[in-house]
């Protein structure tokens, strides 16, 4: 049975001559679905009954305060929905950096275990980022969001640096 590290592509399976597969396409698919689907604010807005498909980007501005006044949702829930919209927007914006890092690293021949490691770190950081952004409104604890944001971005910058090193002929 393969170890977790082998399954995640962080080390080769036995025998040592085995190759490590590049999991970049899987990470890219996951983060597309995560950014554009799972973090979409539409799901929570539908749950709370304030989703209007005619113009969903304006739901909270047009209908949020009225939903609070009518008792449909609380101020805290409205604030969470706004944070969800921000987390979604940030995930979509950040996806470009992730695609670039994974693509350049793969194309330039950065070691597959490095690509997989950076993808795993980015994934853990971005999932934590989304959860912290949406669920935590305490000013001190919300600082974790910045730590997870930088962790994810630094994994991408590290991959880009590795790709640049390959392009310059350095290992």
N, C-alpha and C. Protein backbone atom coordinates (compact mmCIF):
# COMPACT_ATOMS: atom_id res chain seq x y z
N UNK A 1 0.84 -1.18 0.00
CA UNK A 1 0.00 0.00 0.00
C UNK A 1 0.89 1.24 0.00
N UNK A 2 0.55 2.22 -0.81
CA UNK A 2 1.35 3.43 -0.94
C UNK A 2 1.16 4.33 0.29
N UNK A 3 2.23 5.01 0.65
CA UNK A 3 2.13 5.95 1.76
C UNK A 3 1.42 7.22 1.30
N UNK A 4 1.02 8.04 2.25
CA UNK A 4 0.37 9.30 1.91
C UNK A 4 1.32 10.17 1.10
N UNK A 5 2.60 10.22 1.49
CA UNK A 5 3.57 11.04 0.75
C UNK A 5 3.71 10.56 -0.69
N UNK A 6 3.66 9.26 -0.91
CA UNK A 6 3.74 8.72 -2.26
C UNK A 6 2.48 9.07 -3.05
N UNK A 7 1.33 8.90 -2.43
CA UNK A 7 0.05 9.21 -3.08
C UNK A 7 -0.03 10.68 -3.48
N UNK A 8 0.48 11.56 -2.63
CA UNK A 8 0.44 13.00 -2.91
C UNK A 8 1.54 13.44 -3.88
N UNK A 9 2.40 12.50 -4.27
CA UNK A 9 3.46 12.83 -5.20
C UNK A 9 4.62 13.58 -4.57
N UNK A 10 4.81 13.38 -3.28
CA UNK A 10 5.89 14.06 -2.57
C UNK A 10 7.17 13.22 -2.56
N UNK A 11 7.03 11.92 -2.84
CA UNK A 11 8.19 11.05 -2.95
C UNK A 11 7.83 9.87 -3.83
N UNK A 12 8.86 9.28 -4.43
CA UNK A 12 8.65 8.17 -5.36
C UNK A 12 8.26 6.91 -4.61
N UNK A 13 7.52 6.07 -5.28
CA UNK A 13 7.16 4.77 -4.73
C UNK A 13 8.36 3.85 -4.85
N UNK A 14 8.31 2.75 -4.15
CA UNK A 14 9.37 1.75 -4.28
C UNK A 14 9.12 0.98 -5.56
N UNK A 15 10.08 0.57 -6.28
CA UNK A 15 11.51 0.75 -6.07
C UNK A 15 11.92 2.19 -6.38
N UNK A 16 13.12 2.57 -5.96
CA UNK A 16 13.59 3.94 -6.13
C UNK A 16 13.58 4.43 -7.58
N UNK A 17 13.57 3.52 -8.54
CA UNK A 17 13.56 3.94 -9.94
C UNK A 17 12.18 4.41 -10.39
N UNK A 18 11.16 4.24 -9.54
CA UNK A 18 9.82 4.69 -9.89
C UNK A 18 9.79 6.20 -10.04
N UNK A 19 8.95 6.65 -10.94
CA UNK A 19 8.84 8.09 -11.15
C UNK A 19 7.68 8.65 -10.35
N UNK A 20 7.76 9.91 -10.09
CA UNK A 20 6.72 10.64 -9.37
C UNK A 20 5.84 11.31 -10.42
N UNK A 21 4.54 11.14 -10.30
CA UNK A 21 3.66 11.80 -11.25
C UNK A 21 3.45 13.26 -10.83
N UNK A 22 3.22 14.09 -11.83
CA UNK A 22 2.97 15.51 -11.60
C UNK A 22 1.47 15.68 -11.36
N UNK A 23 1.11 16.20 -10.19
CA UNK A 23 -0.29 16.38 -9.83
C UNK A 23 -0.81 17.78 -10.16
N UNK A 24 -0.04 18.58 -10.91
CA UNK A 24 -0.46 19.95 -11.22
C UNK A 24 -1.84 20.01 -11.86
N UNK A 25 -2.16 19.17 -12.85
CA UNK A 25 -3.51 19.26 -13.43
C UNK A 25 -4.62 19.03 -12.40
N UNK A 26 -4.42 18.10 -11.51
CA UNK A 26 -5.42 17.86 -10.46
C UNK A 26 -5.58 19.05 -9.54
N UNK A 27 -4.46 19.65 -9.15
CA UNK A 27 -4.53 20.85 -8.30
C UNK A 27 -5.22 22.00 -9.04
N UNK A 28 -4.91 22.15 -10.32
CA UNK A 28 -5.54 23.23 -11.09
C UNK A 28 -7.05 23.02 -11.19
N UNK A 29 -7.48 21.80 -11.43
CA UNK A 29 -8.91 21.51 -11.50
C UNK A 29 -9.56 21.78 -10.15
N UNK A 30 -8.94 21.28 -9.08
CA UNK A 30 -9.51 21.50 -7.75
C UNK A 30 -9.67 22.98 -7.47
N UNK A 31 -8.64 23.78 -7.74
CA UNK A 31 -8.70 25.20 -7.39
C UNK A 31 -9.66 25.98 -8.28
N UNK A 32 -9.85 25.53 -9.51
CA UNK A 32 -10.87 26.16 -10.34
C UNK A 32 -12.25 25.93 -9.71
N UNK A 33 -12.54 24.68 -9.37
CA UNK A 33 -13.83 24.34 -8.75
C UNK A 33 -13.97 25.03 -7.40
N UNK A 34 -12.88 25.07 -6.62
CA UNK A 34 -12.91 25.70 -5.31
C UNK A 34 -13.19 27.19 -5.43
N UNK A 35 -12.45 27.88 -6.32
CA UNK A 35 -12.59 29.33 -6.45
C UNK A 35 -13.93 29.73 -7.07
N UNK A 36 -14.28 29.08 -8.16
CA UNK A 36 -15.46 29.49 -8.91
C UNK A 36 -16.75 28.81 -8.46
N UNK A 37 -16.63 27.70 -7.74
CA UNK A 37 -17.82 26.97 -7.32
C UNK A 37 -18.03 26.95 -5.83
N UNK A 38 -17.12 26.29 -5.12
CA UNK A 38 -17.31 26.09 -3.68
C UNK A 38 -17.33 27.39 -2.89
N UNK A 39 -16.50 28.35 -3.26
CA UNK A 39 -16.49 29.63 -2.55
C UNK A 39 -17.49 30.63 -3.10
N UNK A 40 -18.21 30.25 -4.12
CA UNK A 40 -19.21 31.15 -4.68
C UNK A 40 -20.21 31.52 -3.60
N UNK A 41 -20.54 32.79 -3.53
CA UNK A 41 -21.48 33.25 -2.51
C UNK A 41 -22.92 32.89 -2.85
N UNK A 42 -23.16 32.44 -4.06
CA UNK A 42 -24.53 32.08 -4.47
C UNK A 42 -25.11 31.00 -3.57
N UNK A 43 -24.31 30.02 -3.20
CA UNK A 43 -24.83 28.90 -2.40
C UNK A 43 -25.38 29.39 -1.07
N UNK A 44 -24.59 30.18 -0.35
CA UNK A 44 -25.08 30.69 0.95
C UNK A 44 -26.25 31.65 0.76
N UNK A 45 -26.20 32.47 -0.28
CA UNK A 45 -27.32 33.39 -0.52
C UNK A 45 -28.59 32.61 -0.85
N UNK A 46 -28.47 31.52 -1.59
CA UNK A 46 -29.64 30.68 -1.86
C UNK A 46 -30.15 30.05 -0.56
N UNK A 47 -29.23 29.61 0.27
CA UNK A 47 -29.61 28.99 1.55
C UNK A 47 -30.43 29.98 2.39
N UNK A 48 -29.99 31.23 2.42
CA UNK A 48 -30.68 32.24 3.23
C UNK A 48 -31.85 32.89 2.49
N UNK A 49 -32.08 32.50 1.24
CA UNK A 49 -33.22 32.98 0.48
C UNK A 49 -33.10 34.40 -0.02
N UNK A 50 -31.87 34.88 -0.26
CA UNK A 50 -31.72 36.24 -0.79
C UNK A 50 -30.93 36.25 -2.10
N UNK A 51 -31.03 35.15 -2.84
CA UNK A 51 -30.34 35.06 -4.13
C UNK A 51 -31.31 35.47 -5.23
N UNK A 52 -30.85 36.38 -6.07
CA UNK A 52 -31.65 36.86 -7.20
C UNK A 52 -30.81 36.67 -8.45
N UNK A 53 -31.16 35.69 -9.24
CA UNK A 53 -30.35 35.31 -10.39
C UNK A 53 -30.27 36.40 -11.45
N UNK A 54 -31.21 37.31 -11.48
CA UNK A 54 -31.19 38.38 -12.49
C UNK A 54 -29.94 39.25 -12.35
N UNK A 55 -29.50 39.46 -11.13
CA UNK A 55 -28.32 40.29 -10.89
C UNK A 55 -27.67 39.87 -9.57
N UNK A 56 -27.06 38.67 -9.53
CA UNK A 56 -26.58 38.12 -8.26
C UNK A 56 -25.44 38.92 -7.62
N UNK A 57 -24.68 39.65 -8.39
CA UNK A 57 -23.57 40.42 -7.80
C UNK A 57 -24.07 41.59 -6.97
N UNK A 58 -25.32 41.96 -7.17
CA UNK A 58 -25.88 43.09 -6.43
C UNK A 58 -26.80 42.65 -5.29
N UNK A 59 -26.92 41.34 -5.08
CA UNK A 59 -27.85 40.83 -4.08
C UNK A 59 -27.67 41.47 -2.71
N UNK A 60 -26.47 41.46 -2.21
CA UNK A 60 -26.26 41.95 -0.84
C UNK A 60 -26.46 43.46 -0.75
N UNK A 61 -26.03 44.19 -1.78
CA UNK A 61 -26.22 45.63 -1.76
C UNK A 61 -27.70 46.01 -1.88
N UNK A 62 -28.40 45.31 -2.76
CA UNK A 62 -29.81 45.64 -2.99
C UNK A 62 -30.74 45.09 -1.91
N UNK A 63 -30.48 43.84 -1.48
CA UNK A 63 -31.44 43.14 -0.66
C UNK A 63 -30.94 42.77 0.74
N UNK A 64 -29.66 42.96 1.01
CA UNK A 64 -29.09 42.54 2.29
C UNK A 64 -29.70 43.24 3.49
N UNK A 65 -29.71 44.57 3.45
CA UNK A 65 -30.25 45.32 4.59
C UNK A 65 -31.74 45.03 4.80
N UNK A 66 -32.46 44.90 3.70
CA UNK A 66 -33.90 44.59 3.79
C UNK A 66 -34.12 43.20 4.39
N UNK A 67 -33.24 42.25 4.04
CA UNK A 67 -33.35 40.90 4.61
C UNK A 67 -33.11 40.93 6.11
N UNK A 68 -32.21 41.81 6.56
CA UNK A 68 -31.97 41.94 8.00
C UNK A 68 -33.18 42.59 8.67
N UNK A 69 -33.69 43.66 8.07
CA UNK A 69 -34.85 44.36 8.64
C UNK A 69 -36.07 43.45 8.75
N UNK A 70 -36.25 42.59 7.75
CA UNK A 70 -37.43 41.71 7.74
C UNK A 70 -37.24 40.48 8.64
N UNK A 71 -36.02 40.28 9.16
CA UNK A 71 -35.76 39.15 10.03
C UNK A 71 -35.36 37.88 9.29
N UNK A 72 -35.17 37.98 7.98
CA UNK A 72 -34.79 36.81 7.19
C UNK A 72 -33.39 36.34 7.57
N UNK A 73 -32.49 37.30 7.81
CA UNK A 73 -31.13 36.99 8.26
C UNK A 73 -30.74 38.00 9.33
N UNK A 74 -29.66 37.70 10.03
CA UNK A 74 -29.15 38.61 11.06
C UNK A 74 -28.04 39.47 10.47
N UNK A 75 -27.66 40.50 11.20
CA UNK A 75 -26.52 41.33 10.78
C UNK A 75 -25.25 40.49 10.66
N UNK A 76 -25.08 39.55 11.59
CA UNK A 76 -23.91 38.68 11.56
C UNK A 76 -23.90 37.81 10.32
N UNK A 77 -25.06 37.31 9.93
CA UNK A 77 -25.15 36.49 8.71
C UNK A 77 -24.88 37.33 7.47
N UNK A 78 -25.37 38.55 7.45
CA UNK A 78 -25.10 39.45 6.33
C UNK A 78 -23.60 39.75 6.24
N UNK A 79 -22.97 39.97 7.38
CA UNK A 79 -21.52 40.21 7.38
C UNK A 79 -20.77 38.98 6.87
N UNK A 80 -21.22 37.79 7.27
CA UNK A 80 -20.59 36.56 6.79
C UNK A 80 -20.77 36.42 5.28
N UNK A 81 -21.94 36.74 4.76
CA UNK A 81 -22.18 36.68 3.32
C UNK A 81 -21.27 37.65 2.57
N UNK A 82 -21.05 38.82 3.15
CA UNK A 82 -20.13 39.79 2.52
C UNK A 82 -18.69 39.25 2.53
N UNK A 83 -18.29 38.63 3.65
CA UNK A 83 -16.95 38.04 3.70
C UNK A 83 -16.83 36.89 2.70
N UNK A 84 -17.91 36.13 2.53
CA UNK A 84 -17.91 35.04 1.54
C UNK A 84 -17.69 35.60 0.13
N UNK A 85 -18.36 36.71 -0.19
CA UNK A 85 -18.15 37.34 -1.50
C UNK A 85 -16.70 37.77 -1.67
N UNK A 86 -16.12 38.31 -0.62
CA UNK A 86 -14.72 38.74 -0.69
C UNK A 86 -13.77 37.55 -0.82
N UNK A 87 -14.04 36.48 -0.09
CA UNK A 87 -13.21 35.27 -0.19
C UNK A 87 -13.28 34.68 -1.59
N UNK A 88 -14.47 34.67 -2.16
CA UNK A 88 -14.67 34.18 -3.52
C UNK A 88 -13.87 35.03 -4.52
N UNK A 89 -14.02 36.35 -4.42
CA UNK A 89 -13.31 37.25 -5.33
C UNK A 89 -11.80 37.06 -5.21
N UNK A 90 -11.30 36.92 -4.00
CA UNK A 90 -9.87 36.75 -3.81
C UNK A 90 -9.39 35.43 -4.39
N UNK A 91 -10.17 34.37 -4.22
CA UNK A 91 -9.78 33.07 -4.77
C UNK A 91 -9.72 33.12 -6.29
N UNK A 92 -10.68 33.80 -6.91
CA UNK A 92 -10.68 33.94 -8.37
C UNK A 92 -9.46 34.75 -8.81
N UNK A 93 -9.19 35.85 -8.13
CA UNK A 93 -8.03 36.68 -8.48
C UNK A 93 -6.72 35.91 -8.31
N UNK A 94 -6.63 35.12 -7.25
CA UNK A 94 -5.40 34.42 -6.93
C UNK A 94 -5.17 33.20 -7.82
N UNK A 95 -6.21 32.71 -8.45
CA UNK A 95 -6.10 31.53 -9.31
C UNK A 95 -5.08 31.75 -10.43
N UNK A 96 -5.00 32.95 -10.96
CA UNK A 96 -4.07 33.25 -12.05
C UNK A 96 -2.63 33.01 -11.62
N UNK A 97 -2.26 33.46 -10.45
CA UNK A 97 -0.90 33.24 -9.95
C UNK A 97 -0.62 31.75 -9.81
N UNK A 98 -1.58 31.02 -9.30
CA UNK A 98 -1.42 29.58 -9.11
C UNK A 98 -1.24 28.87 -10.46
N UNK A 99 -2.07 29.21 -11.43
CA UNK A 99 -1.95 28.62 -12.76
C UNK A 99 -0.57 28.92 -13.36
N UNK A 100 -0.14 30.16 -13.25
CA UNK A 100 1.17 30.53 -13.79
C UNK A 100 2.29 29.75 -13.11
N UNK A 101 2.25 29.66 -11.80
CA UNK A 101 3.30 28.96 -11.06
C UNK A 101 3.35 27.49 -11.42
N UNK A 102 2.20 26.83 -11.41
CA UNK A 102 2.17 25.40 -11.73
C UNK A 102 2.57 25.15 -13.18
N UNK A 103 2.12 26.00 -14.08
CA UNK A 103 2.43 25.82 -15.50
C UNK A 103 3.91 26.04 -15.79
N UNK A 104 4.45 27.17 -15.34
CA UNK A 104 5.87 27.43 -15.58
C UNK A 104 6.75 26.36 -14.95
N UNK A 105 6.41 25.95 -13.76
CA UNK A 105 7.21 24.92 -13.08
C UNK A 105 7.17 23.61 -13.87
N UNK A 106 6.01 23.25 -14.35
CA UNK A 106 5.87 22.00 -15.11
C UNK A 106 6.60 22.10 -16.44
N UNK A 107 6.40 23.18 -17.16
CA UNK A 107 7.00 23.35 -18.48
C UNK A 107 8.52 23.40 -18.42
N UNK A 108 9.06 24.04 -17.39
CA UNK A 108 10.52 24.17 -17.30
C UNK A 108 11.19 22.96 -16.67
N UNK A 109 10.40 22.01 -16.21
CA UNK A 109 10.97 20.77 -15.68
C UNK A 109 11.37 20.83 -14.22
N UNK A 110 10.72 21.69 -13.45
CA UNK A 110 10.96 21.69 -12.01
C UNK A 110 10.58 20.30 -11.50
N UNK A 111 11.35 19.79 -10.57
CA UNK A 111 11.13 18.45 -10.05
C UNK A 111 9.68 18.27 -9.64
N UNK A 112 9.12 17.15 -10.02
CA UNK A 112 7.70 16.90 -9.79
C UNK A 112 7.33 16.93 -8.32
N UNK A 113 8.21 16.42 -7.47
CA UNK A 113 7.88 16.45 -6.05
C UNK A 113 7.80 17.89 -5.52
N UNK A 114 8.58 18.81 -6.12
CA UNK A 114 8.50 20.22 -5.72
C UNK A 114 7.17 20.83 -6.20
N UNK A 115 6.78 20.50 -7.42
CA UNK A 115 5.50 20.99 -7.94
C UNK A 115 4.36 20.47 -7.06
N UNK A 116 4.41 19.19 -6.74
CA UNK A 116 3.35 18.59 -5.91
C UNK A 116 3.36 19.17 -4.50
N UNK A 117 4.53 19.39 -3.94
CA UNK A 117 4.63 19.94 -2.59
C UNK A 117 4.05 21.36 -2.55
N UNK A 118 4.43 22.17 -3.54
CA UNK A 118 3.91 23.53 -3.59
C UNK A 118 2.39 23.52 -3.79
N UNK A 119 1.91 22.61 -4.63
CA UNK A 119 0.46 22.50 -4.84
C UNK A 119 -0.27 22.12 -3.57
N UNK A 120 0.30 21.20 -2.81
CA UNK A 120 -0.32 20.78 -1.55
C UNK A 120 -0.32 21.91 -0.53
N UNK A 121 0.81 22.60 -0.41
CA UNK A 121 0.89 23.73 0.53
C UNK A 121 -0.11 24.81 0.14
N UNK A 122 -0.16 25.13 -1.15
CA UNK A 122 -1.10 26.13 -1.64
C UNK A 122 -2.54 25.71 -1.33
N UNK A 123 -2.85 24.45 -1.57
CA UNK A 123 -4.20 23.95 -1.33
C UNK A 123 -4.57 24.06 0.14
N UNK A 124 -3.70 23.62 1.02
CA UNK A 124 -4.00 23.71 2.45
C UNK A 124 -4.16 25.17 2.87
N UNK A 125 -3.29 26.03 2.36
CA UNK A 125 -3.35 27.45 2.72
C UNK A 125 -4.63 28.10 2.21
N UNK A 126 -5.02 27.80 0.97
CA UNK A 126 -6.20 28.44 0.40
C UNK A 126 -7.51 27.93 1.02
N UNK A 127 -7.55 26.66 1.36
CA UNK A 127 -8.75 26.14 2.03
C UNK A 127 -8.87 26.78 3.41
N UNK A 128 -7.75 26.87 4.12
CA UNK A 128 -7.77 27.54 5.43
C UNK A 128 -8.13 29.01 5.27
N UNK A 129 -7.58 29.66 4.25
CA UNK A 129 -7.88 31.07 3.97
C UNK A 129 -9.39 31.28 3.80
N UNK A 130 -10.01 30.44 2.96
CA UNK A 130 -11.44 30.57 2.73
C UNK A 130 -12.25 30.39 4.00
N UNK A 131 -11.90 29.38 4.77
CA UNK A 131 -12.63 29.12 6.02
C UNK A 131 -12.45 30.26 7.01
N UNK A 132 -11.23 30.73 7.17
CA UNK A 132 -10.96 31.83 8.10
C UNK A 132 -11.67 33.10 7.65
N UNK A 133 -11.59 33.38 6.36
CA UNK A 133 -12.21 34.61 5.84
C UNK A 133 -13.72 34.60 6.09
N UNK A 134 -14.37 33.50 5.81
CA UNK A 134 -15.82 33.43 5.92
C UNK A 134 -16.29 33.32 7.37
N UNK A 135 -15.61 32.52 8.17
CA UNK A 135 -16.13 32.17 9.49
C UNK A 135 -15.63 33.03 10.64
N UNK A 136 -14.50 33.70 10.48
CA UNK A 136 -13.92 34.44 11.60
C UNK A 136 -14.06 35.94 11.37
N UNK A 137 -14.72 36.60 12.31
CA UNK A 137 -14.87 38.05 12.20
C UNK A 137 -14.15 38.80 13.33
N UNK A 138 -13.50 38.07 14.21
CA UNK A 138 -12.76 38.69 15.31
C UNK A 138 -11.48 39.33 14.75
N UNK A 139 -11.22 40.61 15.05
CA UNK A 139 -10.07 41.31 14.47
C UNK A 139 -8.72 40.61 14.71
N UNK A 140 -8.51 40.07 15.88
CA UNK A 140 -7.21 39.42 16.16
C UNK A 140 -7.11 38.09 15.43
N UNK A 141 -8.13 37.25 15.57
CA UNK A 141 -8.09 35.92 14.94
C UNK A 141 -8.14 36.01 13.43
N UNK A 142 -8.72 37.07 12.90
CA UNK A 142 -8.79 37.21 11.44
C UNK A 142 -7.40 37.43 10.83
N UNK A 143 -6.40 37.72 11.64
CA UNK A 143 -5.04 37.87 11.14
C UNK A 143 -4.50 36.56 10.57
N UNK A 144 -5.08 35.45 10.98
CA UNK A 144 -4.69 34.15 10.42
C UNK A 144 -4.89 34.16 8.91
N UNK A 145 -5.89 34.90 8.47
CA UNK A 145 -6.16 35.01 7.03
C UNK A 145 -4.94 35.52 6.28
N UNK A 146 -4.28 36.53 6.81
CA UNK A 146 -3.08 37.06 6.17
C UNK A 146 -1.95 36.04 6.12
N UNK A 147 -1.82 35.28 7.18
CA UNK A 147 -0.78 34.24 7.22
C UNK A 147 -1.05 33.18 6.15
N UNK A 148 -2.30 32.75 6.04
CA UNK A 148 -2.61 31.74 5.03
C UNK A 148 -2.50 32.30 3.62
N UNK A 149 -2.86 33.56 3.43
CA UNK A 149 -2.73 34.19 2.11
C UNK A 149 -1.27 34.21 1.68
N UNK A 150 -0.39 34.65 2.59
CA UNK A 150 1.04 34.69 2.26
C UNK A 150 1.63 33.30 2.08
N UNK A 151 1.17 32.34 2.85
CA UNK A 151 1.67 30.97 2.69
C UNK A 151 1.37 30.45 1.29
N UNK A 152 0.14 30.63 0.84
CA UNK A 152 -0.23 30.20 -0.50
C UNK A 152 0.56 30.93 -1.57
N UNK A 153 0.66 32.24 -1.45
CA UNK A 153 1.38 33.01 -2.46
C UNK A 153 2.87 32.71 -2.46
N UNK A 154 3.44 32.50 -1.30
CA UNK A 154 4.87 32.18 -1.25
C UNK A 154 5.16 30.83 -1.90
N UNK A 155 4.23 29.88 -1.78
CA UNK A 155 4.44 28.59 -2.46
C UNK A 155 4.47 28.80 -3.97
N UNK A 156 3.63 29.70 -4.48
CA UNK A 156 3.63 30.01 -5.91
C UNK A 156 4.89 30.76 -6.32
N UNK A 157 5.29 31.73 -5.53
CA UNK A 157 6.50 32.48 -5.85
C UNK A 157 7.73 31.58 -5.81
N UNK A 158 7.76 30.64 -4.89
CA UNK A 158 8.86 29.69 -4.80
C UNK A 158 8.91 28.85 -6.08
N UNK A 159 7.76 28.38 -6.55
CA UNK A 159 7.73 27.61 -7.80
C UNK A 159 8.19 28.45 -8.98
N UNK A 160 7.75 29.70 -9.04
CA UNK A 160 8.20 30.57 -10.13
C UNK A 160 9.71 30.79 -10.07
N UNK A 161 10.24 30.92 -8.88
CA UNK A 161 11.69 31.07 -8.72
C UNK A 161 12.41 29.80 -9.19
N UNK A 162 11.87 28.63 -8.84
CA UNK A 162 12.47 27.37 -9.30
C UNK A 162 12.42 27.29 -10.83
N UNK A 163 11.32 27.72 -11.43
CA UNK A 163 11.20 27.70 -12.88
C UNK A 163 12.19 28.67 -13.50
N UNK A 164 12.34 29.83 -12.90
CA UNK A 164 13.32 30.81 -13.40
C UNK A 164 14.72 30.24 -13.32
N UNK A 165 15.01 29.55 -12.23
CA UNK A 165 16.34 28.91 -12.10
C UNK A 165 16.56 27.90 -13.21
N UNK A 166 15.55 27.14 -13.55
CA UNK A 166 15.67 26.17 -14.64
C UNK A 166 15.91 26.88 -15.97
N UNK A 167 15.22 27.97 -16.20
CA UNK A 167 15.38 28.72 -17.44
C UNK A 167 16.78 29.34 -17.56
N UNK A 168 17.37 29.71 -16.43
CA UNK A 168 18.72 30.28 -16.43
C UNK A 168 19.78 29.19 -16.51
N UNK A 169 19.39 27.93 -16.41
CA UNK A 169 20.34 26.84 -16.46
C UNK A 169 20.88 26.45 -15.10
N UNK A 170 20.40 27.08 -14.06
CA UNK A 170 20.82 26.70 -12.70
C UNK A 170 19.88 25.63 -12.18
N UNK A 171 20.36 24.78 -11.30
CA UNK A 171 19.45 23.76 -10.73
C UNK A 171 19.02 24.24 -9.44
